[in-house]
Amino acid sequence: MAGILFEDIFDVKDIDPEGKKFDRVSRLHCESESFKMDLILDVNIQIYPVDLGDKFRLVIASTLYEDGTLDDGEYNPTDDRPSRYGVTAGVGGGGKVER
């Protein structure tokens, strides 16, 4: 797929090993399956509940648009072009998750 810079599946190996610092956020310590990379990721567990041993796919892309066009850097609330990964493309990294 055009625009994909990195993609791998991560296993959650530990959750909050230094103790819980926030009510709604947990710090995940993960390891990737393909590259054996370590990842430390803070997650709002009210929105995305995660348990020890869970797996998730992390994708870093240069664009969220299915047609591969790049974002112009300006927010456009009327942009309704289809995006991949279930994220409203016009909002980017702070995107709205569509359920």
PDB file of N, CA and C in Angstrom:
ATOM      1  N   MET A   1       0.829  -1.182   0.000  1.00  0.00           N
ATOM      2  CA  MET A   1       0.000   0.000   0.000  1.00  0.00           C
ATOM      3  C   MET A   1       0.876   1.249   0.000  1.00  0.00           C
ATOM      4  N   ALA A   2       0.510   2.194  -0.782  1.00  0.00           N
ATOM      5  CA  ALA A   2       1.279   3.435  -0.851  1.00  0.00           C
ATOM      6  C   ALA A   2       1.180   4.194   0.463  1.00  0.00           C
ATOM      7  N   GLY A   3       2.276   4.812   0.845  1.00  0.00           N
ATOM      8  CA  GLY A   3       2.264   5.661   2.025  1.00  0.00           C
ATOM      9  C   GLY A   3       2.652   4.988   3.320  1.00  0.00           C
ATOM     10  N   ILE A   4       2.780   3.653   3.349  1.00  0.00           N
ATOM     11  CA  ILE A   4       3.132   2.953   4.592  1.00  0.00           C
ATOM     12  C   ILE A   4       4.633   3.072   4.821  1.00  0.00           C
ATOM     13  N   LEU A   5       5.012   3.631   5.972  1.00  0.00           N
ATOM     14  CA  LEU A   5       6.417   3.786   6.330  1.00  0.00           C
ATOM     15  C   LEU A   5       6.878   2.677   7.269  1.00  0.00           C
ATOM     16  N   PHE A   6       5.974   2.190   8.117  1.00  0.00           N
ATOM     17  CA  PHE A   6       6.295   1.129   9.074  1.00  0.00           C
ATOM     18  C   PHE A   6       5.009   0.404   9.432  1.00  0.00           C
ATOM     19  N   GLU A   7       5.115  -0.928   9.572  1.00  0.00           N
ATOM     20  CA  GLU A   7       3.967  -1.720  10.004  1.00  0.00           C
ATOM     21  C   GLU A   7       4.472  -2.974  10.692  1.00  0.00           C
ATOM     22  N   ASP A   8       3.934  -3.267  11.865  1.00  0.00           N
ATOM     23  CA  ASP A   8       4.289  -4.490  12.585  1.00  0.00           C
ATOM     24  C   ASP A   8       3.214  -4.779  13.625  1.00  0.00           C
ATOM     25  N   ILE A   9       3.208  -5.994  14.112  1.00  0.00           N
ATOM     26  CA  ILE A   9       2.312  -6.410  15.187  1.00  0.00           C
ATOM     27  C   ILE A   9       3.116  -6.418  16.473  1.00  0.00           C
ATOM     28  N   PHE A  10       2.546  -5.838  17.527  1.00  0.00           N
ATOM     29  CA  PHE A  10       3.225  -5.740  18.816  1.00  0.00           C
ATOM     30  C   PHE A  10       2.493  -6.567  19.865  1.00  0.00           C
ATOM     31  N   ASP A  11       3.273  -7.247  20.719  1.00  0.00           N
ATOM     32  CA  ASP A  11       2.753  -7.994  21.862  1.00  0.00           C
ATOM     33  C   ASP A  11       2.925  -7.135  23.105  1.00  0.00           C
ATOM     34  N   VAL A  12       1.880  -7.036  23.923  1.00  0.00           N
ATOM     35  CA  VAL A  12       1.960  -6.297  25.184  1.00  0.00           C
ATOM     36  C   VAL A  12       2.637  -7.204  26.207  1.00  0.00           C
ATOM     37  N   LYS A  13       3.848  -6.830  26.617  1.00  0.00           N
ATOM     38  CA  LYS A  13       4.648  -7.641  27.544  1.00  0.00           C
ATOM     39  C   LYS A  13       4.489  -7.202  28.992  1.00  0.00           C
ATOM     40  N   ASP A  14       4.200  -5.923  29.219  1.00  0.00           N
ATOM     41  CA  ASP A  14       4.061  -5.410  30.578  1.00  0.00           C
ATOM     42  C   ASP A  14       3.193  -4.156  30.540  1.00  0.00           C
ATOM     43  N   ILE A  15       2.468  -3.921  31.626  1.00  0.00           N
ATOM     44  CA  ILE A  15       1.617  -2.737  31.737  1.00  0.00           C
ATOM     45  C   ILE A  15       1.947  -2.022  33.041  1.00  0.00           C
ATOM     46  N   ASP A  16       2.277  -0.760  32.945  1.00  0.00           N
ATOM     47  CA  ASP A  16       2.599   0.085  34.107  1.00  0.00           C
ATOM     48  C   ASP A  16       3.639  -0.548  35.039  1.00  0.00           C
ATOM     49  N   PRO A  17       4.811  -0.946  34.529  1.00  0.00           N
ATOM     50  CA  PRO A  17       5.805  -1.595  35.398  1.00  0.00           C
ATOM     51  C   PRO A  17       6.351  -0.685  36.497  1.00  0.00           C
ATOM     52  N   GLU A  18       6.317   0.627  36.286  1.00  0.00           N
ATOM     53  CA  GLU A  18       6.795   1.571  37.306  1.00  0.00           C
ATOM     54  C   GLU A  18       5.648   2.085  38.169  1.00  0.00           C
ATOM     55  N   GLY A  19       4.476   1.474  38.052  1.00  0.00           N
ATOM     56  CA  GLY A  19       3.305   1.917  38.797  1.00  0.00           C
ATOM     57  C   GLY A  19       2.415   2.808  37.952  1.00  0.00           C
ATOM     58  N   LYS A  20       1.154   2.855  38.308  1.00  0.00           N
ATOM     59  CA  LYS A  20       0.174   3.649  37.564  1.00  0.00           C
ATOM     60  C   LYS A  20       0.251   5.107  38.001  1.00  0.00           C
ATOM     61  N   LYS A  21       0.443   6.005  37.032  1.00  0.00           N
ATOM     62  CA  LYS A  21       0.601   7.422  37.337  1.00  0.00           C
ATOM     63  C   LYS A  21      -0.672   8.227  37.065  1.00  0.00           C
ATOM     64  N   PHE A  22      -1.534   7.718  36.175  1.00  0.00           N
ATOM     65  CA  PHE A  22      -2.772   8.406  35.807  1.00  0.00           C
ATOM     66  C   PHE A  22      -3.933   7.419  35.841  1.00  0.00           C
ATOM     67  N   ASP A  23      -5.131   7.923  36.135  1.00  0.00           N
ATOM     68  CA  ASP A  23      -6.307   7.054  36.246  1.00  0.00           C
ATOM     69  C   ASP A  23      -6.683   6.387  34.931  1.00  0.00           C
ATOM     70  N   ARG A  24      -6.649   7.146  33.856  1.00  0.00           N
ATOM     71  CA  ARG A  24      -7.155   6.648  32.573  1.00  0.00           C
ATOM     72  C   ARG A  24      -6.072   6.244  31.583  1.00  0.00           C
ATOM     73  N   VAL A  25      -4.806   6.392  31.952  1.00  0.00           N
ATOM     74  CA  VAL A  25      -3.712   6.115  31.017  1.00  0.00           C
ATOM     75  C   VAL A  25      -2.815   5.031  31.588  1.00  0.00           C
ATOM     76  N   SER A  26      -2.471   4.070  30.737  1.00  0.00           N
ATOM     77  CA  SER A  26      -1.506   3.040  31.121  1.00  0.00           C
ATOM     78  C   SER A  26      -0.317   3.097  30.178  1.00  0.00           C
ATOM     79  N   ARG A  27       0.847   2.766  30.700  1.00  0.00           N
ATOM     80  CA  ARG A  27       2.066   2.702  29.895  1.00  0.00           C
ATOM     81  C   ARG A  27       2.311   1.246  29.524  1.00  0.00           C
ATOM     82  N   LEU A  28       2.278   0.977  28.221  1.00  0.00           N
ATOM     83  CA  LEU A  28       2.472  -0.373  27.713  1.00  0.00           C
ATOM     84  C   LEU A  28       3.917  -0.565  27.288  1.00  0.00           C
ATOM     85  N   HIS A  29       4.500  -1.679  27.674  1.00  0.00           N
ATOM     86  CA  HIS A  29       5.818  -2.086  27.198  1.00  0.00           C
ATOM     87  C   HIS A  29       5.580  -3.258  26.258  1.00  0.00           C
ATOM     88  N   CYS A  30       5.974  -3.087  24.999  1.00  0.00           N
ATOM     89  CA  CYS A  30       5.621  -4.040  23.954  1.00  0.00           C
ATOM     90  C   CYS A  30       6.856  -4.468  23.169  1.00  0.00           C
ATOM     91  N   GLU A  31       6.706  -5.590  22.446  1.00  0.00           N
ATOM     92  CA  GLU A  31       7.762  -6.077  21.557  1.00  0.00           C
ATOM     93  C   GLU A  31       7.125  -6.443  20.226  1.00  0.00           C
ATOM     94  N   SER A  32       7.775  -6.040  19.129  1.00  0.00           N
ATOM     95  CA  SER A  32       7.221  -6.332  17.807  1.00  0.00           C
ATOM     96  C   SER A  32       7.556  -7.761  17.398  1.00  0.00           C
ATOM     97  N   GLU A  33       6.667  -8.358  16.616  1.00  0.00           N
ATOM     98  CA  GLU A  33       6.858  -9.737  16.183  1.00  0.00           C
ATOM     99  C   GLU A  33       7.920  -9.862  15.100  1.00  0.00           C
ATOM    100  N   SER A  34       7.874  -9.013  14.096  1.00  0.00           N
ATOM    101  CA  SER A  34       8.780  -9.160  12.954  1.00  0.00           C
ATOM    102  C   SER A  34      10.183  -8.647  13.221  1.00  0.00           C
ATOM    103  N   PHE A  35      10.284  -7.475  13.837  1.00  0.00           N
ATOM    104  CA  PHE A  35      11.586  -6.825  13.992  1.00  0.00           C
ATOM    105  C   PHE A  35      12.153  -6.913  15.404  1.00  0.00           C
ATOM    106  N   LYS A  36      11.378  -7.479  16.352  1.00  0.00           N
ATOM    107  CA  LYS A  36      11.803  -7.595  17.759  1.00  0.00           C
ATOM    108  C   LYS A  36      12.178  -6.233  18.347  1.00  0.00           C
ATOM    109  N   MET A  37      11.450  -5.200  17.926  1.00  0.00           N
ATOM    110  CA  MET A  37      11.667  -3.846  18.443  1.00  0.00           C
ATOM    111  C   MET A  37      10.910  -3.678  19.747  1.00  0.00           C
ATOM    112  N   ASP A  38      11.455  -2.873  20.647  1.00  0.00           N
ATOM    113  CA  ASP A  38      10.759  -2.515  21.877  1.00  0.00           C
ATOM    114  C   ASP A  38       9.976  -1.230  21.639  1.00  0.00           C
ATOM    115  N   LEU A  39       8.793  -1.150  22.247  1.00  0.00           N
ATOM    116  CA  LEU A  39       7.941   0.031  22.128  1.00  0.00           C
ATOM    117  C   LEU A  39       7.345   0.325  23.491  1.00  0.00           C
ATOM    118  N   ILE A  40       7.437   1.572  23.915  1.00  0.00           N
ATOM    119  CA  ILE A  40       6.748   2.036  25.115  1.00  0.00           C
ATOM    120  C   ILE A  40       5.684   3.012  24.634  1.00  0.00           C
ATOM    121  N   LEU A  41       4.425   2.708  24.964  1.00  0.00           N
ATOM    122  CA  LEU A  41       3.302   3.466  24.426  1.00  0.00           C
ATOM    123  C   LEU A  41       2.321   3.794  25.540  1.00  0.00           C
ATOM    124  N   ASP A  42       1.950   5.063  25.658  1.00  0.00           N
ATOM    125  CA  ASP A  42       0.933   5.487  26.618  1.00  0.00           C
ATOM    126  C   ASP A  42      -0.428   5.448  25.933  1.00  0.00           C
ATOM    127  N   VAL A  43      -1.405   4.789  26.582  1.00  0.00           N
ATOM    128  CA  VAL A  43      -2.714   4.567  25.973  1.00  0.00           C
ATOM    129  C   VAL A  43      -3.822   4.939  26.950  1.00  0.00           C
ATOM    130  N   ASN A  44      -4.846   5.633  26.462  1.00  0.00           N
ATOM    131  CA  ASN A  44      -6.044   5.898  27.259  1.00  0.00           C
ATOM    132  C   ASN A  44      -6.839   4.595  27.315  1.00  0.00           C
ATOM    133  N   ILE A  45      -6.821   3.937  28.466  1.00  0.00           N
ATOM    134  CA  ILE A  45      -7.432   2.611  28.576  1.00  0.00           C
ATOM    135  C   ILE A  45      -8.956   2.649  28.679  1.00  0.00           C
ATOM    136  N   GLN A  46      -9.541   3.835  28.854  1.00  0.00           N
ATOM    137  CA  GLN A  46     -11.001   3.931  28.786  1.00  0.00           C
ATOM    138  C   GLN A  46     -11.474   3.825  27.344  1.00  0.00           C
ATOM    139  N   ILE A  47     -10.681   4.353  26.432  1.00  0.00           N
ATOM    140  CA  ILE A  47     -11.037   4.310  25.011  1.00  0.00           C
ATOM    141  C   ILE A  47     -10.556   3.013  24.375  1.00  0.00           C
ATOM    142  N   TYR A  48      -9.324   2.616  24.697  1.00  0.00           N
ATOM    143  CA  TYR A  48      -8.720   1.407  24.145  1.00  0.00           C
ATOM    144  C   TYR A  48      -8.276   0.497  25.286  1.00  0.00           C
ATOM    145  N   PRO A  49      -9.188  -0.318  25.850  1.00  0.00           N
ATOM    146  CA  PRO A  49      -8.775  -1.209  26.934  1.00  0.00           C
ATOM    147  C   PRO A  49      -7.761  -2.233  26.426  1.00  0.00           C
ATOM    148  N   VAL A  50      -6.684  -2.428  27.188  1.00  0.00           N
ATOM    149  CA  VAL A  50      -5.602  -3.334  26.793  1.00  0.00           C
ATOM    150  C   VAL A  50      -5.259  -4.224  27.978  1.00  0.00           C
ATOM    151  N   ASP A  51      -5.029  -5.506  27.693  1.00  0.00           N
ATOM    152  CA  ASP A  51      -4.632  -6.464  28.718  1.00  0.00           C
ATOM    153  C   ASP A  51      -3.264  -7.030  28.389  1.00  0.00           C
ATOM    154  N   LEU A  52      -2.604  -7.540  29.404  1.00  0.00           N
ATOM    155  CA  LEU A  52      -1.315  -8.198  29.231  1.00  0.00           C
ATOM    156  C   LEU A  52      -1.481  -9.349  28.242  1.00  0.00           C
ATOM    157  N   GLY A  53      -0.581  -9.444  27.277  1.00  0.00           N
ATOM    158  CA  GLY A  53      -0.652 -10.499  26.274  1.00  0.00           C
ATOM    159  C   GLY A  53      -1.437 -10.130  25.031  1.00  0.00           C
ATOM    160  N   ASP A  54      -2.133  -8.999  25.050  1.00  0.00           N
ATOM    161  CA  ASP A  54      -2.854  -8.550  23.853  1.00  0.00           C
ATOM    162  C   ASP A  54      -1.865  -8.225  22.746  1.00  0.00           C
ATOM    163  N   LYS A  55      -2.359  -8.248  21.511  1.00  0.00           N
ATOM    164  CA  LYS A  55      -1.561  -7.867  20.343  1.00  0.00           C
ATOM    165  C   LYS A  55      -2.282  -6.738  19.624  1.00  0.00           C
ATOM    166  N   PHE A  56      -1.501  -5.867  19.013  1.00  0.00           N
ATOM    167  CA  PHE A  56      -2.080  -4.801  18.196  1.00  0.00           C
ATOM    168  C   PHE A  56      -1.142  -4.506  17.039  1.00  0.00           C
ATOM    169  N   ARG A  57      -1.726  -3.979  15.976  1.00  0.00           N
ATOM    170  CA  ARG A  57      -0.949  -3.616  14.788  1.00  0.00           C
ATOM    171  C   ARG A  57      -0.684  -2.119  14.828  1.00  0.00           C
ATOM    172  N   LEU A  58       0.582  -1.738  14.670  1.00  0.00           N
ATOM    173  CA  LEU A  58       0.972  -0.331  14.601  1.00  0.00           C
ATOM    174  C   LEU A  58       1.377  -0.030  13.166  1.00  0.00           C
ATOM    175  N   VAL A  59       0.748   0.980  12.602  1.00  0.00           N
ATOM    176  CA  VAL A  59       1.056   1.397  11.233  1.00  0.00           C
ATOM    177  C   VAL A  59       1.385   2.877  11.259  1.00  0.00           C
ATOM    178  N   ILE A  60       2.526   3.226  10.680  1.00  0.00           N
ATOM    179  CA  ILE A  60       2.905   4.626  10.499  1.00  0.00           C
ATOM    180  C   ILE A  60       2.866   4.886   8.998  1.00  0.00           C
ATOM    181  N   ALA A  61       2.078   5.878   8.600  1.00  0.00           N
ATOM    182  CA  ALA A  61       1.885   6.144   7.178  1.00  0.00           C
ATOM    183  C   ALA A  61       2.078   7.625   6.891  1.00  0.00           C
ATOM    184  N   SER A  62       2.507   7.912   5.679  1.00  0.00           N
ATOM    185  CA  SER A  62       2.685   9.306   5.267  1.00  0.00           C
ATOM    186  C   SER A  62       1.358   9.942   4.863  1.00  0.00           C
ATOM    187  N   THR A  63       0.331   9.124   4.653  1.00  0.00           N
ATOM    188  CA  THR A  63      -0.999   9.621   4.313  1.00  0.00           C
ATOM    189  C   THR A  63      -2.041   8.638   4.816  1.00  0.00           C
ATOM    190  N   LEU A  64      -3.221   9.141   5.117  1.00  0.00           N
ATOM    191  CA  LEU A  64      -4.331   8.276   5.499  1.00  0.00           C
ATOM    192  C   LEU A  64      -5.319   8.085   4.355  1.00  0.00           C
ATOM    193  N   TYR A  65      -5.113   8.810   3.257  1.00  0.00           N
ATOM    194  CA  TYR A  65      -6.033   8.724   2.136  1.00  0.00           C
ATOM    195  C   TYR A  65      -5.798   7.449   1.345  1.00  0.00           C
ATOM    196  N   GLU A  66      -6.890   6.772   0.971  1.00  0.00           N
ATOM    197  CA  GLU A  66      -6.790   5.543   0.193  1.00  0.00           C
ATOM    198  C   GLU A  66      -6.140   5.761  -1.165  1.00  0.00           C
ATOM    199  N   ASP A  67      -6.324   6.936  -1.742  1.00  0.00           N
ATOM    200  CA  ASP A  67      -5.753   7.195  -3.067  1.00  0.00           C
ATOM    201  C   ASP A  67      -4.280   7.596  -3.009  1.00  0.00           C
ATOM    202  N   GLY A  68      -3.703   7.687  -1.799  1.00  0.00           N
ATOM    203  CA  GLY A  68      -2.279   7.975  -1.649  1.00  0.00           C
ATOM    204  C   GLY A  68      -1.910   9.443  -1.665  1.00  0.00           C
ATOM    205  N   THR A  69      -2.881  10.338  -1.823  1.00  0.00           N
ATOM    206  CA  THR A  69      -2.544  11.763  -1.839  1.00  0.00           C
ATOM    207  C   THR A  69      -2.110  12.215  -0.449  1.00  0.00           C
ATOM    208  N   LEU A  70      -1.186  13.150  -0.427  1.00  0.00           N
ATOM    209  CA  LEU A  70      -0.669  13.656   0.834  1.00  0.00           C
ATOM    210  C   LEU A  70      -1.591  14.718   1.411  1.00  0.00           C
ATOM    211  N   ASP A  71      -1.549  14.852   2.715  1.00  0.00           N
ATOM    212  CA  ASP A  71      -2.317  15.872   3.412  1.00  0.00           C
ATOM    213  C   ASP A  71      -1.699  17.234   3.107  1.00  0.00           C
ATOM    214  N   ASP A  72      -2.529  18.259   2.954  1.00  0.00           N
ATOM    215  CA  ASP A  72      -1.997  19.589   2.633  1.00  0.00           C
ATOM    216  C   ASP A  72      -1.582  20.368   3.877  1.00  0.00           C
ATOM    217  N   GLY A  73      -1.747  19.773   5.060  1.00  0.00           N
ATOM    218  CA  GLY A  73      -1.292  20.414   6.284  1.00  0.00           C
ATOM    219  C   GLY A  73      -2.302  21.336   6.936  1.00  0.00           C
ATOM    220  N   GLU A  74      -3.467  21.483   6.324  1.00  0.00           N
ATOM    221  CA  GLU A  74      -4.500  22.339   6.893  1.00  0.00           C
ATOM    222  C   GLU A  74      -5.744  21.519   7.168  1.00  0.00           C
ATOM    223  N   TYR A  75      -6.368  21.773   8.313  1.00  0.00           N
ATOM    224  CA  TYR A  75      -7.585  21.067   8.688  1.00  0.00           C
ATOM    225  C   TYR A  75      -8.734  21.494   7.794  1.00  0.00           C
ATOM    226  N   ASN A  76      -9.461  20.524   7.279  1.00  0.00           N
ATOM    227  CA  ASN A  76     -10.613  20.796   6.436  1.00  0.00           C
ATOM    228  C   ASN A  76     -11.777  19.936   6.936  1.00  0.00           C
ATOM    229  N   PRO A  77     -12.696  20.504   7.711  1.00  0.00           N
ATOM    230  CA  PRO A  77     -13.783  19.710   8.285  1.00  0.00           C
ATOM    231  C   PRO A  77     -14.750  19.139   7.250  1.00  0.00           C
ATOM    232  N   THR A  78     -14.719  19.655   6.021  1.00  0.00           N
ATOM    233  CA  THR A  78     -15.609  19.138   4.981  1.00  0.00           C
ATOM    234  C   THR A  78     -14.959  18.032   4.159  1.00  0.00           C
ATOM    235  N   ASP A  79     -13.712  17.703   4.452  1.00  0.00           N
ATOM    236  CA  ASP A  79     -13.008  16.650   3.714  1.00  0.00           C
ATOM    237  C   ASP A  79     -13.582  15.300   4.122  1.00  0.00           C
ATOM    238  N   ASP A  80     -14.310  14.675   3.208  1.00  0.00           N
ATOM    239  CA  ASP A  80     -14.925  13.388   3.524  1.00  0.00           C
ATOM    240  C   ASP A  80     -14.409  12.269   2.622  1.00  0.00           C
ATOM    241  N   ARG A  81     -13.205  12.475   2.069  1.00  0.00           N
ATOM    242  CA  ARG A  81     -12.624  11.414   1.250  1.00  0.00           C
ATOM    243  C   ARG A  81     -12.416  10.172   2.100  1.00  0.00           C
ATOM    244  N   PRO A  82     -12.588   8.989   1.510  1.00  0.00           N
ATOM    245  CA  PRO A  82     -12.383   7.763   2.296  1.00  0.00           C
ATOM    246  C   PRO A  82     -10.928   7.627   2.729  1.00  0.00           C
ATOM    247  N   SER A  83     -10.750   7.110   3.938  1.00  0.00           N
ATOM    248  CA  SER A  83      -9.409   6.874   4.448  1.00  0.00           C
ATOM    249  C   SER A  83      -9.274   5.417   4.830  1.00  0.00           C
ATOM    250  N   ARG A  84      -8.038   4.987   4.990  1.00  0.00           N
ATOM    251  CA  ARG A  84      -7.809   3.617   5.451  1.00  0.00           C
ATOM    252  C   ARG A  84      -7.668   3.627   6.965  1.00  0.00           C
ATOM    253  N   TYR A  85      -7.725   2.491   7.579  1.00  0.00           N
ATOM    254  CA  TYR A  85      -7.530   2.294   9.024  1.00  0.00           C
ATOM    255  C   TYR A  85      -8.630   2.893   9.873  1.00  0.00           C
ATOM    256  N   GLY A  86      -9.771   3.248   9.325  1.00  0.00           N
ATOM    257  CA  GLY A  86     -10.889   3.717  10.125  1.00  0.00           C
ATOM    258  C   GLY A  86     -10.685   5.050  10.799  1.00  0.00           C
ATOM    259  N   VAL A  87      -9.832   5.904  10.231  1.00  0.00           N
ATOM    260  CA  VAL A  87      -9.580   7.221  10.814  1.00  0.00           C
ATOM    261  C   VAL A  87     -10.030   8.278   9.823  1.00  0.00           C
ATOM    262  N   THR A  88     -10.702   9.302  10.301  1.00  0.00           N
ATOM    263  CA  THR A  88     -11.096  10.401   9.436  1.00  0.00           C
ATOM    264  C   THR A  88      -9.838  11.099   8.942  1.00  0.00           C
ATOM    265  N   ALA A  89      -9.585  11.035   7.651  1.00  0.00           N
ATOM    266  CA  ALA A  89      -8.309  11.472   7.090  1.00  0.00           C
ATOM    267  C   ALA A  89      -8.026  12.942   7.298  1.00  0.00           C
ATOM    268  N   GLY A  90      -9.025  13.793   7.286  1.00  0.00           N
ATOM    269  CA  GLY A  90      -8.796  15.220   7.396  1.00  0.00           C
ATOM    270  C   GLY A  90      -8.247  15.657   8.743  1.00  0.00           C
ATOM    271  N   VAL A  91      -8.251  14.773   9.718  1.00  0.00           N
ATOM    272  CA  VAL A  91      -7.818  15.147  11.057  1.00  0.00           C
ATOM    273  C   VAL A  91      -6.425  14.610  11.373  1.00  0.00           C
ATOM    274  N   GLY A  92      -5.939  13.648  10.650  1.00  0.00           N
ATOM    275  CA  GLY A  92      -4.573  13.138  10.833  1.00  0.00           C
ATOM    276  C   GLY A  92      -4.359  12.404  12.132  1.00  0.00           C
ATOM    277  N   GLY A  93      -3.189  12.621  12.763  1.00  0.00           N
ATOM    278  CA  GLY A  93      -2.815  11.894  13.970  1.00  0.00           C
ATOM    279  C   GLY A  93      -3.772  12.078  15.119  1.00  0.00           C
ATOM    280  N   GLY A  94      -4.482  13.190  15.159  1.00  0.00           N
ATOM    281  CA  GLY A  94      -5.484  13.401  16.197  1.00  0.00           C
ATOM    282  C   GLY A  94      -6.849  12.979  15.706  1.00  0.00           C
ATOM    283  N   GLY A  95      -6.886  12.003  14.828  1.00  0.00           N
ATOM    284  CA  GLY A  95      -8.099  11.601  14.134  1.00  0.00           C
ATOM    285  C   GLY A  95      -9.186  11.037  15.015  1.00  0.00           C
ATOM    286  N   LYS A  96     -10.370  11.025  14.468  1.00  0.00           N
ATOM    287  CA  LYS A  96     -11.533  10.472  15.148  1.00  0.00           C
ATOM    288  C   LYS A  96     -11.660   9.012  14.735  1.00  0.00           C
ATOM    289  N   VAL A  97     -11.793   8.126  15.691  1.00  0.00           N
ATOM    290  CA  VAL A  97     -11.930   6.706  15.392  1.00  0.00           C
ATOM    291  C   VAL A  97     -13.379   6.424  15.046  1.00  0.00           C
ATOM    292  N   GLU A  98     -13.576   5.771  13.908  1.00  0.00           N
ATOM    293  CA  GLU A  98     -14.923   5.407  13.480  1.00  0.00           C
ATOM    294  C   GLU A  98     -15.182   3.978  13.903  1.00  0.00           C
ATOM    295  N   ARG A  99     -16.262   3.753  14.629  1.00  0.00           N
ATOM    296  CA  ARG A  99     -16.572   2.388  15.097  1.00  0.00           C
ATOM    297  C   ARG A  99     -17.638   1.761  14.255  1.00  0.00           C
TER     298      ARG A  99
END
